[in-house]
Protein backbone atom coordinates (compact mmCIF):
# COMPACT_ATOMS: atom_id res chain seq x y z
CA MET A 1 25.44 -1.25 -48.75
CA THR A 2 25.45 -4.47 -47.05
CA LYS A 3 27.58 -2.55 -44.40
CA LYS A 4 24.82 -0.48 -43.70
CA LEU A 5 21.74 -2.69 -42.96
CA THR A 6 20.37 -2.60 -39.53
CA LEU A 7 17.15 -5.14 -38.33
CA PHE A 8 14.58 -2.45 -38.15
CA PHE A 9 15.74 -1.17 -41.69
CA ILE A 10 15.38 -4.09 -43.08
CA LEU A 11 11.90 -4.97 -41.43
CA GLY A 12 11.07 -1.67 -42.41
CA LEU A 13 11.12 -2.10 -45.83
CA LEU A 14 9.67 -5.27 -45.73
CA THR A 15 6.78 -3.87 -44.15
CA VAL A 16 5.99 -0.78 -46.60
CA LEU A 17 6.53 -3.04 -49.58
CA LEU A 18 4.00 -5.57 -48.06
CA GLY A 19 1.59 -2.39 -47.38
CA LEU A 20 1.59 -0.79 -50.13
CA ILE A 21 0.98 -3.91 -52.15
CA PHE A 22 -2.02 -4.58 -49.75
CA ALA A 23 -3.11 -0.99 -50.38
CA VAL A 24 -2.89 -1.40 -53.80
CA VAL A 25 -5.03 -4.81 -53.95
CA ALA A 26 -7.61 -3.00 -51.58
CA PHE A 27 -7.99 0.04 -53.17
CA ASN A 28 -8.80 -1.99 -56.95
CA SER A 29 -11.34 -3.71 -55.34
CA VAL A 30 -14.95 -3.57 -55.63
CA SER A 31 -16.33 -2.71 -52.29
CA ALA A 32 -16.00 0.68 -50.05
CA VAL A 33 -14.83 -1.18 -46.96
CA ASP A 34 -11.83 -2.39 -48.86
CA GLY A 35 -10.68 0.59 -50.22
CA LEU A 36 -11.12 2.25 -46.65
CA ALA A 37 -8.85 -0.90 -45.50
CA GLY A 38 -6.58 0.46 -47.92
CA ILE A 39 -6.18 3.89 -46.71
CA TYR A 40 -5.87 2.65 -43.13
CA ALA A 41 -3.32 0.36 -44.39
CA LEU A 42 -1.45 3.34 -46.17
CA PHE A 43 -1.94 5.56 -42.79
CA GLY A 44 -0.32 2.47 -40.77
CA LEU A 45 2.72 3.14 -42.91
CA ILE A 46 3.59 6.92 -41.07
CA PRO A 47 5.24 5.25 -38.29
CA VAL A 48 7.32 2.65 -40.30
CA ILE A 49 8.40 5.53 -42.34
CA ILE A 50 9.22 7.36 -38.91
CA ILE A 51 11.23 4.02 -37.62
CA ILE A 52 13.03 3.94 -40.94
CA ILE A 53 14.29 7.74 -40.81
CA LEU A 54 15.37 7.52 -36.98
CA ASP A 55 16.89 4.46 -38.12
CA ARG A 56 19.22 5.69 -40.55
CA ILE A 57 19.82 9.08 -38.63
CA CYS A 58 20.93 6.85 -35.76
CA VAL A 59 23.27 4.47 -38.28
CA TRP A 60 24.95 8.18 -39.45
CA LYS A 61 25.50 9.62 -36.26
CA PHE A 62 26.34 6.31 -33.98
CA GLY A 63 27.48 3.21 -36.69
CA THR A 64 26.15 0.32 -37.75
CA LYS A 65 27.29 -1.88 -35.39
CA LYS A 66 25.98 0.06 -32.34
CA VAL A 67 22.76 0.67 -33.66
CA ASN A 68 22.45 -2.84 -34.77
CA LYS A 69 23.49 -3.94 -30.87
CA VAL A 70 20.62 -2.06 -29.87
CA GLN A 71 17.74 -2.70 -32.10
CA PHE A 72 18.77 -6.72 -31.32
CA TYR A 73 18.15 -6.06 -27.77
CA ILE A 74 14.71 -4.16 -27.91
CA ALA A 75 13.81 -6.75 -30.78
CA GLY A 76 14.89 -9.47 -27.97
CA ILE A 77 13.13 -7.39 -25.31
CA PHE A 78 9.53 -7.89 -27.65
CA ILE A 79 10.34 -11.80 -28.29
CA LEU A 80 10.70 -12.33 -24.31
CA LEU A 81 7.37 -10.19 -23.48
CA PHE A 82 5.46 -12.02 -26.36
CA ILE A 83 6.72 -15.36 -24.79
CA LEU A 84 5.69 -14.25 -21.23
CA ASN A 85 2.36 -13.18 -22.78
CA TRP A 86 1.61 -16.07 -24.15
CA ILE A 87 2.91 -18.49 -20.83
CA ARG A 88 0.37 -15.60 -18.63
CA LEU A 89 -2.46 -16.69 -21.35
CA GLN A 90 -1.46 -20.57 -20.85
CA LEU A 91 -2.31 -20.76 -17.20
CA GLN A 92 -5.33 -18.91 -17.03
């Protein structure tokens, strides 16, 4: 099983777990606003589930090593963009 783990799969599972915990806690709250926040959190999990499914298809088709390489490139680009945006905001 550990040979088939990828970055997006692990992050996706953590997101689903935390999202479900938040949604259950929000549903059991007293106010209607918290219930709506729980529904919003559940709808936010739909893209995560789609990414997990696409990840598993890519692992099945191309292999874990190639998929992880691409996913780390994507994550690195997002981190670089985050840093560049932070620098841009500091210079304003």
